[in-house]
Amino acid sequence: MDIDVNHSRNPVLGWDIQVSAKAAAGETITAARIDVNGSPVYDRPISPPVNKWQRTLTQKGQYPGENKVLVTITNEKGEQTKTQDEWE
């Protein structure tokens, strides 16, 4: 599983966070969870399962301040892959 997290300053307030995931060969994505600064902001099953997935969250996190995004992607076997991004 390949997960990518990017962030950009939102001109109104906070941050826009872009998350994408690509399943490995023979694998599918069945659920995604995104936590921002310790709070879940996206937690959904993906049906039907997909090979690629992406989501943009707008005006999340704190500006100025420390921010942490934890992304958890689940495959069809129930195995989870996690990645984390931190910035201030």
C-alpha atoms as a PDB file:
ATOM      1  CA  MET A   1       0.000   0.000   0.000  1.00  0.00           C
ATOM      2  CA  ASP A   2       1.336   3.427  -0.941  1.00  0.00           C
ATOM      3  CA  ILE A   3      -0.080   6.404   1.010  1.00  0.00           C
ATOM      4  CA  ASP A   4       0.682  10.055   0.328  1.00  0.00           C
ATOM      5  CA  VAL A   5      -0.250  13.032   2.542  1.00  0.00           C
ATOM      6  CA  ASN A   6       0.204  16.678   1.546  1.00  0.00           C
ATOM      7  CA  HIS A   7      -0.882  19.898   3.194  1.00  0.00           C
ATOM      8  CA  SER A   8      -1.248  23.478   1.997  1.00  0.00           C
ATOM      9  CA  ARG A   9      -2.220  26.639   3.836  1.00  0.00           C
ATOM     10  CA  ASN A  10      -5.881  27.490   3.334  1.00  0.00           C
ATOM     11  CA  PRO A  11      -6.284  31.263   2.810  1.00  0.00           C
ATOM     12  CA  VAL A  12      -9.379  31.333   5.045  1.00  0.00           C
ATOM     13  CA  LEU A  13      -8.345  29.286   8.083  1.00  0.00           C
ATOM     14  CA  GLY A  14      -6.290  26.201   8.862  1.00  0.00           C
ATOM     15  CA  TRP A  15      -4.926  23.775   6.295  1.00  0.00           C
ATOM     16  CA  ASP A  16      -6.148  21.815   3.310  1.00  0.00           C
ATOM     17  CA  ILE A  17      -4.979  18.225   3.581  1.00  0.00           C
ATOM     18  CA  GLN A  18      -4.762  15.966   0.528  1.00  0.00           C
ATOM     19  CA  VAL A  19      -4.564  12.207   1.075  1.00  0.00           C
ATOM     20  CA  SER A  20      -4.187   9.522  -1.580  1.00  0.00           C
ATOM     21  CA  ALA A  21      -3.633   5.777  -1.430  1.00  0.00           C
ATOM     22  CA  LYS A  22      -2.723   3.224  -4.064  1.00  0.00           C
ATOM     23  CA  ALA A  23      -3.089  -0.484  -3.429  1.00  0.00           C
ATOM     24  CA  ALA A  24      -0.296  -2.904  -4.259  1.00  0.00           C
ATOM     25  CA  ALA A  25      -0.784  -5.513  -6.970  1.00  0.00           C
ATOM     26  CA  GLY A  26      -3.498  -7.988  -5.967  1.00  0.00           C
ATOM     27  CA  GLU A  27      -4.697  -5.745  -3.139  1.00  0.00           C
ATOM     28  CA  THR A  28      -7.750  -3.462  -2.753  1.00  0.00           C
ATOM     29  CA  ILE A  29      -8.662  -0.608  -0.411  1.00  0.00           C
ATOM     30  CA  THR A  30     -11.733  -1.297   1.733  1.00  0.00           C
ATOM     31  CA  ALA A  31     -11.629   1.473   4.374  1.00  0.00           C
ATOM     32  CA  ALA A  32      -9.925   4.762   5.172  1.00  0.00           C
ATOM     33  CA  ARG A  33      -9.504   6.777   8.357  1.00  0.00           C
ATOM     34  CA  ILE A  34      -7.923  10.207   8.752  1.00  0.00           C
ATOM     35  CA  ASP A  35      -7.154  11.682  12.181  1.00  0.00           C
ATOM     36  CA  VAL A  36      -6.112  15.335  12.468  1.00  0.00           C
ATOM     37  CA  ASN A  37      -4.451  16.348  15.727  1.00  0.00           C
ATOM     38  CA  GLY A  38      -5.781  13.236  17.461  1.00  0.00           C
ATOM     39  CA  SER A  39      -9.409  13.584  16.351  1.00  0.00           C
ATOM     40  CA  PRO A  40     -11.060  11.464  13.648  1.00  0.00           C
ATOM     41  CA  VAL A  41     -12.279  13.641  10.767  1.00  0.00           C
ATOM     42  CA  TYR A  42     -12.888  10.877   8.196  1.00  0.00           C
ATOM     43  CA  ASP A  43     -13.630   7.212   8.925  1.00  0.00           C
ATOM     44  CA  ARG A  44     -15.534   5.284   6.262  1.00  0.00           C
ATOM     45  CA  PRO A  45     -15.684   1.933   4.526  1.00  0.00           C
ATOM     46  CA  ILE A  46     -15.075   1.974   0.784  1.00  0.00           C
ATOM     47  CA  SER A  47     -17.571  -0.111  -1.128  1.00  0.00           C
ATOM     48  CA  PRO A  48     -16.999  -1.471  -3.619  1.00  0.00           C
ATOM     49  CA  PRO A  49     -13.267  -1.808  -2.868  1.00  0.00           C
ATOM     50  CA  VAL A  50     -10.939   0.268  -5.070  1.00  0.00           C
ATOM     51  CA  ASN A  51      -7.315   0.219  -6.213  1.00  0.00           C
ATOM     52  CA  LYS A  52      -6.838   3.992  -5.833  1.00  0.00           C
ATOM     53  CA  TRP A  53      -8.457   6.409  -3.403  1.00  0.00           C
ATOM     54  CA  GLN A  54      -8.104  10.109  -2.610  1.00  0.00           C
ATOM     55  CA  ARG A  55      -9.711  12.701  -0.369  1.00  0.00           C
ATOM     56  CA  THR A  56      -9.196  16.411   0.298  1.00  0.00           C
ATOM     57  CA  LEU A  57     -10.107  17.837   3.688  1.00  0.00           C
ATOM     58  CA  THR A  58     -10.423  21.618   3.868  1.00  0.00           C
ATOM     59  CA  GLN A  59      -9.733  24.020   6.721  1.00  0.00           C
ATOM     60  CA  LYS A  60      -8.384  21.432   9.166  1.00  0.00           C
ATOM     61  CA  GLY A  61      -5.635  21.644  11.749  1.00  0.00           C
ATOM     62  CA  GLN A  62      -4.259  24.754  13.382  1.00  0.00           C
ATOM     63  CA  TYR A  63      -2.460  27.750  11.973  1.00  0.00           C
ATOM     64  CA  PRO A  64      -0.172  28.713  13.552  1.00  0.00           C
ATOM     65  CA  GLY A  65       0.572  25.613  15.556  1.00  0.00           C
ATOM     66  CA  GLU A  66       1.722  22.031  15.454  1.00  0.00           C
ATOM     67  CA  ASN A  67      -0.286  19.644  13.309  1.00  0.00           C
ATOM     68  CA  LYS A  68      -0.309  15.874  12.973  1.00  0.00           C
ATOM     69  CA  VAL A  69      -2.225  13.811  10.423  1.00  0.00           C
ATOM     70  CA  LEU A  70      -2.490  10.035  10.808  1.00  0.00           C
ATOM     71  CA  VAL A  71      -3.901   8.084   7.863  1.00  0.00           C
ATOM     72  CA  THR A  72      -4.973   4.450   8.202  1.00  0.00           C
ATOM     73  CA  ILE A  73      -5.878   2.457   5.089  1.00  0.00           C
ATOM     74  CA  THR A  74      -7.379  -1.036   5.379  1.00  0.00           C
ATOM     75  CA  ASN A  75      -7.137  -3.697   2.681  1.00  0.00           C
ATOM     76  CA  GLU A  76      -9.495  -6.570   1.851  1.00  0.00           C
ATOM     77  CA  LYS A  77      -7.707  -8.855   4.356  1.00  0.00           C
ATOM     78  CA  GLY A  78      -8.278  -6.390   7.203  1.00  0.00           C
ATOM     79  CA  GLU A  79      -4.600  -5.430   7.269  1.00  0.00           C
ATOM     80  CA  GLN A  80      -3.905  -1.796   8.055  1.00  0.00           C
ATOM     81  CA  THR A  81      -1.207   0.469   6.667  1.00  0.00           C
ATOM     82  CA  LYS A  82      -0.568   3.737   8.475  1.00  0.00           C
ATOM     83  CA  THR A  83       1.359   6.870   7.662  1.00  0.00           C
ATOM     84  CA  GLN A  84       1.798  10.075   9.588  1.00  0.00           C
ATOM     85  CA  ASP A  85       2.628  13.648   8.576  1.00  0.00           C
ATOM     86  CA  GLU A  86       3.595  16.401  11.035  1.00  0.00           C
ATOM     87  CA  TRP A  87       4.297  20.099  10.524  1.00  0.00           C
ATOM     88  CA  GLU A  88       4.016  23.478  12.214  1.00  0.00           C
END
